[in-house]
């Protein structure tokens, strides 16, 4: 699954009120009602599914159950790209957390 196709799931930016506080104090929900942690869990499950699919395709190719090498290579590449994307998101989240912790109140 292409992560850029899911950009419509994120809520629109809210205008800021006085002193940088958000005007709307509602719960942090997307249009579908899922919060940020649910979106991360879903993305991690999709990466896990891609990894399992790649392993199964490679196993089928090695055992001779499947003869289509292109499908196996495509599944492995898809799993690799999704894993790299997950690691990049993780790194950005850690960087953002560290930046917030450095802020002085």
Protein backbone atom coordinates (compact mmCIF):
# COMPACT_ATOMS: atom_id res chain seq x y z
CA UNK A 1 0.00 0.00 0.00
CA UNK A 2 1.34 3.39 -0.96
CA UNK A 3 1.51 5.57 2.20
CA UNK A 4 1.06 8.73 0.14
CA UNK A 5 -2.40 7.62 -0.93
CA UNK A 6 -3.58 7.85 2.70
CA UNK A 7 -2.85 11.55 3.11
CA UNK A 8 -6.56 12.36 2.92
CA UNK A 9 -7.01 10.52 6.24
CA UNK A 10 -5.18 13.22 8.18
CA UNK A 11 -7.24 16.08 9.56
CA UNK A 12 -6.99 19.56 8.13
CA UNK A 13 -4.89 22.11 10.00
CA UNK A 14 -6.74 24.05 12.66
CA UNK A 15 -6.30 27.83 12.93
CA UNK A 16 -4.36 28.99 15.97
CA UNK A 17 -5.92 31.27 18.52
CA UNK A 18 -4.20 33.52 21.02
CA UNK A 19 -0.64 32.52 22.08
CA UNK A 20 -0.46 29.61 19.65
CA UNK A 21 -3.26 27.57 21.22
CA UNK A 22 -5.59 25.69 18.90
CA UNK A 23 -9.07 27.18 18.57
CA UNK A 24 -10.85 23.83 18.51
CA UNK A 25 -10.27 21.72 21.65
CA UNK A 26 -11.98 18.56 20.34
CA UNK A 27 -10.45 15.11 20.46
CA UNK A 28 -7.57 14.35 18.14
CA UNK A 29 -9.43 12.29 15.56
CA UNK A 30 -9.17 11.92 11.82
CA UNK A 31 -12.16 12.04 9.50
CA UNK A 32 -12.71 8.29 9.99
CA UNK A 33 -12.43 8.56 13.79
CA UNK A 34 -9.04 6.86 14.26
CA UNK A 35 -6.37 8.59 16.32
CA UNK A 36 -2.67 8.81 15.49
CA UNK A 37 -1.67 5.69 17.40
CA UNK A 38 -4.30 3.66 15.52
CA UNK A 39 -2.89 4.91 12.21
CA UNK A 40 0.61 3.87 13.28
CA UNK A 41 -0.61 0.45 14.37
CA UNK A 42 -2.37 -0.04 11.04
CA UNK A 43 0.75 0.99 9.11
CA UNK A 44 2.89 -1.42 11.14
CA UNK A 45 0.42 -4.23 10.49
CA UNK A 46 0.60 -3.52 6.75
CA UNK A 47 4.40 -3.67 6.87
CA UNK A 48 4.20 -6.95 8.79
CA UNK A 49 1.76 -8.36 6.23
CA UNK A 50 4.08 -7.34 3.38
CA UNK A 51 6.99 -9.05 5.16
CA UNK A 52 5.02 -12.28 5.61
CA UNK A 53 3.84 -12.21 2.00
CA UNK A 54 7.42 -11.75 0.78
CA UNK A 55 8.62 -14.64 2.94
CA UNK A 56 5.85 -16.89 1.64
CA UNK A 57 6.51 -15.95 -2.00
CA UNK A 58 10.25 -16.59 -1.58
CA UNK A 59 9.54 -19.91 0.15
CA UNK A 60 7.17 -20.93 -2.65
CA UNK A 61 9.78 -20.04 -5.24
CA UNK A 62 12.53 -22.01 -3.48
CA UNK A 63 10.38 -25.11 -2.96
CA UNK A 64 9.14 -25.09 -6.53
CA UNK A 65 5.48 -24.46 -5.65
CA UNK A 66 5.62 -21.25 -7.69
CA UNK A 67 7.54 -20.64 -10.88
CA UNK A 68 6.83 -16.94 -11.30
CA UNK A 69 10.01 -15.22 -10.15
CA UNK A 70 8.62 -11.76 -10.88
CA UNK A 71 5.89 -12.09 -8.26
CA UNK A 72 8.40 -13.15 -5.62
CA UNK A 73 10.83 -10.34 -6.46
CA UNK A 74 8.01 -7.79 -6.48
CA UNK A 75 6.77 -8.97 -3.06
CA UNK A 76 10.30 -8.77 -1.60
CA UNK A 77 10.85 -5.28 -3.02
CA UNK A 78 7.47 -4.09 -1.74
CA UNK A 79 8.30 -5.42 1.74
CA UNK A 80 11.72 -3.76 1.62
CA UNK A 81 10.34 -0.37 0.60
CA UNK A 82 7.57 -0.49 3.20
CA UNK A 83 10.09 -1.42 5.92
CA UNK A 84 12.41 1.43 4.90
CA UNK A 85 9.47 3.84 4.98
CA UNK A 86 8.49 2.63 8.46
CA UNK A 87 12.05 3.13 9.69
CA UNK A 88 12.15 6.65 8.22
CA UNK A 89 8.88 7.53 9.96
CA UNK A 90 10.22 6.09 13.22
CA UNK A 91 13.37 8.20 12.93
CA UNK A 92 11.34 11.35 12.26
CA UNK A 93 9.10 10.65 15.26
CA UNK A 94 12.11 10.16 17.51
CA UNK A 95 13.66 13.38 16.21
CA UNK A 96 10.41 15.25 16.82
CA UNK A 97 10.15 13.83 20.35
CA UNK A 98 13.72 14.89 21.14
CA UNK A 99 13.03 18.36 19.77
CA UNK A 100 9.95 18.73 21.95
CA UNK A 101 11.91 17.55 25.00
CA UNK A 102 14.56 20.22 24.33
CA UNK A 103 11.98 23.00 24.33
CA UNK A 104 11.96 25.22 27.37
CA UNK A 105 8.65 25.98 29.00
